Amino acid sequence: MTAPSLAKRQYALGAGLAGSALNYFKYWVVAAAVLCFVVPFIVAQYADVQLSAWYYAVNCGKWFTAFVGGGFAFTLLPQYVAAGLTRREFAVSQAVFGVVWSLCLGAIGFAGLFAERAYYDGLGWSQGFDVGDTVVPIGTAADTAQFAAYLPLLFLSYFAAGTVIGVASYRWEHTGWLLVVPILPIVFGLDVALYNTEPVGPGWIGFLGRYLDGMGRIPVAAAILLATVALAIAARRILTDIPMRSKRA
């Protein structure tokens, strides 16, 4: 292997991890898409369809992304370091993995909302989401595009949160997972505040969103970006300080 390829191997590894993960979970995405088109059709036989099924599938995808970020980091870190990859290289690989994964899932979420929009419009249904005690339609095509434009950033924030928890769980074997307590309310609360929606997940975690009502999406998106950067820095700091444990017999 040449020196330039050695210098760039962490980028290739990160992109490869993202590609492999997307390929492995592709049928999960297909299953979610099928359900999002079949379930509203069944519901329509008994009641008016007002909620976007794809919006809620995307929210489940955010939580799943956190598990992917944390699970891959926790599982693969000792294996790759044992194979000769440095901790710093693994940190770069994980970052590339997160960016590629988040862009791809964001694109799928974006395309899915527009496909659902056409489907709903064709059947005279309303594509909306919960805000308080009411259902608010997403609006025009431009509103749908604006609504979906933040998805890659949101996926990345959940990936970064999961990665921090994953590497902390490896670094501090019995207590690292407790970082869930301060991290999830921040990430989840900012997510809730961005769309001003009912939280898709444990309601108490989204308390932060109540303090950000009325700020507008751009300031909240900026806060999400800052939080994501802070989480990425924290993950790197923990990664580069991890002592490798010998495997138990």
Protein backbone atom coordinates (compact mmCIF):
# COMPACT_ATOMS: atom_id res chain seq x y z
CA MET A 1 0.00 0.00 0.00
CA THR A 2 1.44 3.40 -0.97
CA ALA A 3 1.87 6.33 1.40
CA PRO A 4 -0.92 8.45 -0.17
CA SER A 5 -3.39 5.58 0.12
CA LEU A 6 -2.38 5.04 3.74
CA ALA A 7 -3.03 8.72 4.42
CA LYS A 8 -6.50 8.50 2.92
CA ARG A 9 -7.56 5.07 4.15
CA GLN A 10 -9.71 6.50 6.96
CA TYR A 11 -11.86 8.33 4.40
CA ALA A 12 -12.30 5.23 2.25
CA LEU A 13 -13.12 3.20 5.35
CA GLY A 14 -15.75 5.69 6.51
CA ALA A 15 -17.42 5.80 3.10
CA GLY A 16 -17.23 2.01 2.90
CA LEU A 17 -18.87 1.62 6.30
CA ALA A 18 -21.70 3.92 5.27
CA GLY A 19 -22.20 2.04 2.01
CA SER A 20 -22.19 -1.33 3.74
CA ALA A 21 -24.63 -0.15 6.42
CA LEU A 22 -26.99 1.36 3.85
CA ASN A 23 -26.86 -1.82 1.81
CA TYR A 24 -27.46 -3.99 4.88
CA PHE A 25 -30.48 -1.95 6.04
CA LYS A 26 -31.94 -1.20 2.59
CA TYR A 27 -34.81 -3.62 3.07
CA TRP A 28 -35.72 -1.88 6.31
CA VAL A 29 -36.17 1.31 4.31
CA VAL A 30 -38.25 -0.52 1.72
CA ALA A 31 -40.42 -2.02 4.46
CA ALA A 32 -40.93 1.41 6.03
CA ALA A 33 -41.91 2.88 2.65
CA VAL A 34 -44.41 0.09 1.99
CA LEU A 35 -45.99 0.53 5.42
CA CYS A 36 -46.21 4.30 4.96
CA PHE A 37 -48.21 3.80 1.78
CA VAL A 38 -50.33 0.84 2.91
CA VAL A 39 -51.28 1.93 6.45
CA PRO A 40 -52.84 5.30 5.43
CA PHE A 41 -54.86 3.49 2.75
CA ILE A 42 -56.25 1.16 5.43
CA VAL A 43 -56.91 4.05 7.81
CA ALA A 44 -58.76 5.90 5.03
CA GLN A 45 -61.42 3.18 5.01
CA TYR A 46 -62.48 4.28 8.50
CA ALA A 47 -61.34 7.88 9.00
CA ASP A 48 -59.88 10.92 7.25
CA VAL A 49 -56.13 10.75 6.66
CA GLN A 50 -54.48 13.92 7.99
CA LEU A 51 -51.08 12.83 9.24
CA SER A 52 -47.94 12.22 7.21
CA ALA A 53 -46.94 8.61 7.84
CA TRP A 54 -43.53 9.25 6.28
CA TYR A 55 -42.79 12.05 8.74
CA TYR A 56 -43.17 9.60 11.62
CA ALA A 57 -41.11 6.95 9.82
CA VAL A 58 -38.34 9.52 9.39
CA ASN A 59 -38.45 10.27 13.11
CA CYS A 60 -38.03 6.57 13.88
CA GLY A 61 -35.08 6.68 11.48
CA LYS A 62 -33.42 9.36 13.61
CA TRP A 63 -33.50 7.14 16.69
CA PHE A 64 -32.26 4.23 14.61
CA THR A 65 -29.42 6.44 13.36
CA ALA A 66 -28.34 7.06 16.95
CA PHE A 67 -28.18 3.31 17.52
CA VAL A 68 -26.19 2.84 14.30
CA GLY A 69 -23.66 5.52 15.29
CA GLY A 70 -23.21 4.17 18.79
CA GLY A 71 -23.41 0.48 17.97
CA PHE A 72 -20.91 0.59 15.11
CA ALA A 73 -18.45 2.67 17.13
CA PHE A 74 -18.68 0.43 20.21
CA THR A 75 -18.34 -2.78 18.18
CA LEU A 76 -15.80 -1.83 15.52
CA LEU A 77 -13.36 0.37 17.47
CA PRO A 78 -11.38 -2.45 19.15
CA GLN A 79 -11.47 -4.56 15.98
CA TYR A 80 -10.06 -1.85 13.73
CA VAL A 81 -7.44 -0.71 16.24
CA ALA A 82 -6.33 -4.34 16.59
CA ALA A 83 -6.07 -4.48 12.79
CA GLY A 84 -3.69 -1.49 12.73
CA LEU A 85 -5.96 1.55 12.43
CA THR A 86 -5.14 4.38 14.83
CA ARG A 87 -7.74 5.89 17.12
CA ARG A 88 -7.50 9.20 15.27
CA GLU A 89 -8.05 7.45 11.96
CA PHE A 90 -11.07 5.67 13.39
CA ALA A 91 -12.44 9.03 14.56
CA VAL A 92 -12.14 10.40 11.00
CA SER A 93 -13.71 7.23 9.58
CA GLN A 94 -16.65 7.51 11.96
CA ALA A 95 -17.13 11.16 10.99
CA VAL A 96 -17.17 10.29 7.27
CA PHE A 97 -19.54 7.41 8.01
CA GLY A 98 -21.90 9.77 9.82
CA VAL A 99 -21.88 12.43 7.10
CA VAL A 100 -22.47 9.97 4.24
CA TRP A 101 -25.15 8.05 6.18
CA SER A 102 -26.95 11.26 7.16
CA LEU A 103 -26.87 12.71 3.64
CA CYS A 104 -28.26 9.49 2.18
CA LEU A 105 -31.02 9.10 4.77
CA GLY A 106 -31.80 12.80 4.46
CA ALA A 107 -32.18 12.38 0.70
CA ILE A 108 -34.42 9.35 1.20
CA GLY A 109 -36.51 11.31 3.70
CA PHE A 110 -36.74 14.26 1.29
CA ALA A 111 -37.79 12.09 -1.66
CA GLY A 112 -40.23 10.14 0.49
CA LEU A 113 -42.07 13.26 1.63
CA PHE A 114 -42.58 14.36 -1.98
CA ALA A 115 -43.65 10.87 -3.07
CA GLU A 116 -46.11 10.79 -0.19
CA ARG A 117 -47.31 14.27 -1.10
CA ALA A 118 -48.19 13.14 -4.62
CA TYR A 119 -49.86 10.02 -3.21
CA TYR A 120 -51.91 11.98 -0.69
CA ASP A 121 -52.88 14.65 -3.22
CA GLY A 122 -54.06 12.00 -5.65
CA LEU A 123 -56.40 10.55 -3.02
CA GLY A 124 -57.50 13.86 -1.51
CA TRP A 125 -55.74 13.37 1.82
CA SER A 126 -53.98 15.97 3.97
CA GLN A 127 -50.25 15.61 4.71
CA GLY A 128 -49.73 17.08 8.17
CA PHE A 129 -48.22 16.57 11.62
CA ASP A 130 -49.20 17.11 15.24
CA VAL A 131 -48.66 20.54 16.79
CA GLY A 132 -50.11 20.64 20.27
CA ASP A 133 -53.66 19.34 20.06
CA THR A 134 -54.13 20.09 16.37
CA VAL A 135 -52.95 18.67 13.06
CA VAL A 136 -51.19 21.23 10.85
CA PRO A 137 -50.80 20.56 7.10
CA ILE A 138 -47.24 20.81 5.83
CA GLY A 139 -48.43 23.17 3.09
CA THR A 140 -47.21 23.85 -0.43
CA ALA A 141 -44.45 22.01 -2.30
CA ALA A 142 -42.06 24.77 -1.25
CA ASP A 143 -43.10 24.23 2.37
CA THR A 144 -42.46 20.50 1.97
CA ALA A 145 -38.99 21.19 0.56
CA GLN A 146 -38.19 23.58 3.41
CA PHE A 147 -39.56 21.09 5.92
CA ALA A 148 -37.37 18.29 4.56
CA ALA A 149 -34.23 20.36 3.97
CA TYR A 150 -33.13 20.02 7.60
CA LEU A 151 -33.29 16.22 7.67
CA PRO A 152 -29.59 15.54 6.87
CA LEU A 153 -28.55 17.84 9.73
CA LEU A 154 -30.97 16.14 12.11
CA PHE A 155 -29.76 12.68 11.16
CA LEU A 156 -26.17 13.82 11.67
CA SER A 157 -26.98 15.21 15.13
CA TYR A 158 -28.50 11.88 16.20
CA PHE A 159 -25.53 9.99 14.70
CA ALA A 160 -23.10 12.19 16.64
CA ALA A 161 -25.08 11.69 19.85
CA GLY A 162 -25.09 7.94 19.38
CA THR A 163 -21.36 7.91 18.64
CA VAL A 164 -20.52 9.81 21.83
CA ILE A 165 -22.60 7.40 23.89
CA GLY A 166 -21.09 4.39 22.10
CA VAL A 167 -17.45 5.38 22.58
CA ALA A 168 -18.13 6.53 26.14
CA SER A 169 -19.70 3.15 26.88
CA TYR A 170 -16.48 1.51 25.69
CA ARG A 171 -14.21 4.00 27.46
CA TRP A 172 -16.05 3.79 30.78
CA GLU A 173 -17.42 0.27 30.65
CA HIS A 174 -20.06 0.46 33.38
CA THR A 175 -20.95 4.16 33.46
CA GLY A 176 -20.34 5.60 29.98
CA TRP A 177 -23.92 4.97 28.88
CA LEU A 178 -25.07 7.51 31.49
CA LEU A 179 -24.16 10.24 29.00
CA VAL A 180 -27.59 9.44 27.54
CA VAL A 181 -29.03 11.57 30.36
CA PRO A 182 -27.53 14.95 29.34
CA ILE A 183 -27.21 14.30 25.59
CA LEU A 184 -30.62 13.04 24.52
CA PRO A 185 -32.67 15.91 26.01
CA ILE A 186 -30.49 18.40 24.10
CA VAL A 187 -30.59 16.63 20.73
CA PHE A 188 -34.23 15.58 21.01
CA GLY A 189 -35.33 18.94 22.42
CA LEU A 190 -33.71 20.85 19.55
CA ASP A 191 -35.34 18.46 17.08
CA VAL A 192 -38.76 19.11 18.61
CA ALA A 193 -38.13 22.87 18.61
CA LEU A 194 -37.14 22.90 14.94
CA TYR A 195 -40.58 21.80 13.77
CA ASN A 196 -42.55 22.79 16.88
CA THR A 197 -44.19 19.37 16.82
CA GLU A 198 -45.37 16.81 19.29
CA PRO A 199 -42.26 14.77 20.19
CA VAL A 200 -41.96 11.35 18.55
CA GLY A 201 -40.47 9.59 21.55
CA PRO A 202 -40.54 10.05 25.34
CA GLY A 203 -42.26 13.38 25.93
CA TRP A 204 -40.17 14.43 28.93
CA ILE A 205 -36.97 14.33 26.86
CA GLY A 206 -38.27 17.10 24.62
CA PHE A 207 -38.67 19.68 27.42
CA LEU A 208 -35.98 21.91 25.88
CA GLY A 209 -38.22 22.56 22.89
CA ARG A 210 -40.68 24.44 25.07
CA TYR A 211 -38.07 27.12 25.78
CA LEU A 212 -37.30 27.66 22.09
CA ASP A 213 -40.83 28.22 20.77
CA GLY A 214 -41.05 31.09 18.32
CA MET A 215 -37.32 31.29 17.57
CA GLY A 216 -37.73 30.23 13.96
CA ARG A 217 -36.13 27.33 12.16
CA ILE A 218 -32.86 28.99 11.12
CA PRO A 219 -31.71 29.90 14.66
CA VAL A 220 -32.72 26.46 15.93
CA ALA A 221 -30.93 24.79 13.00
CA ALA A 222 -27.83 26.81 13.90
CA ALA A 223 -28.11 25.54 17.48
CA ILE A 224 -28.43 21.96 16.18
CA LEU A 225 -25.29 22.45 14.06
CA LEU A 226 -23.36 23.78 17.07
CA ALA A 227 -24.55 20.89 19.22
CA THR A 228 -23.52 18.42 16.51
CA VAL A 229 -20.04 19.95 16.25
CA ALA A 230 -19.68 19.83 20.05
CA LEU A 231 -20.73 16.19 20.09
CA ALA A 232 -18.26 15.35 17.30
CA ILE A 233 -15.43 17.03 19.22
CA ALA A 234 -16.43 15.17 22.39
CA ALA A 235 -16.51 11.86 20.52
CA ARG A 236 -13.04 12.48 19.09
CA ARG A 237 -11.60 13.43 22.48
CA ILE A 238 -12.99 10.28 24.07
CA LEU A 239 -11.87 8.10 21.15
CA THR A 240 -8.29 9.29 21.19
CA ASP A 241 -8.07 8.67 24.95
CA ILE A 242 -9.47 5.13 24.98
CA PRO A 243 -7.20 2.39 26.35
CA MET A 244 -7.79 -0.87 24.52
CA ARG A 245 -8.96 -3.68 26.78
CA SER A 246 -7.77 -7.21 26.19
CA LYS A 247 -10.51 -9.58 25.18
CA ARG A 248 -11.88 -11.70 28.02
CA ALA A 249 -11.62 -15.45 27.69
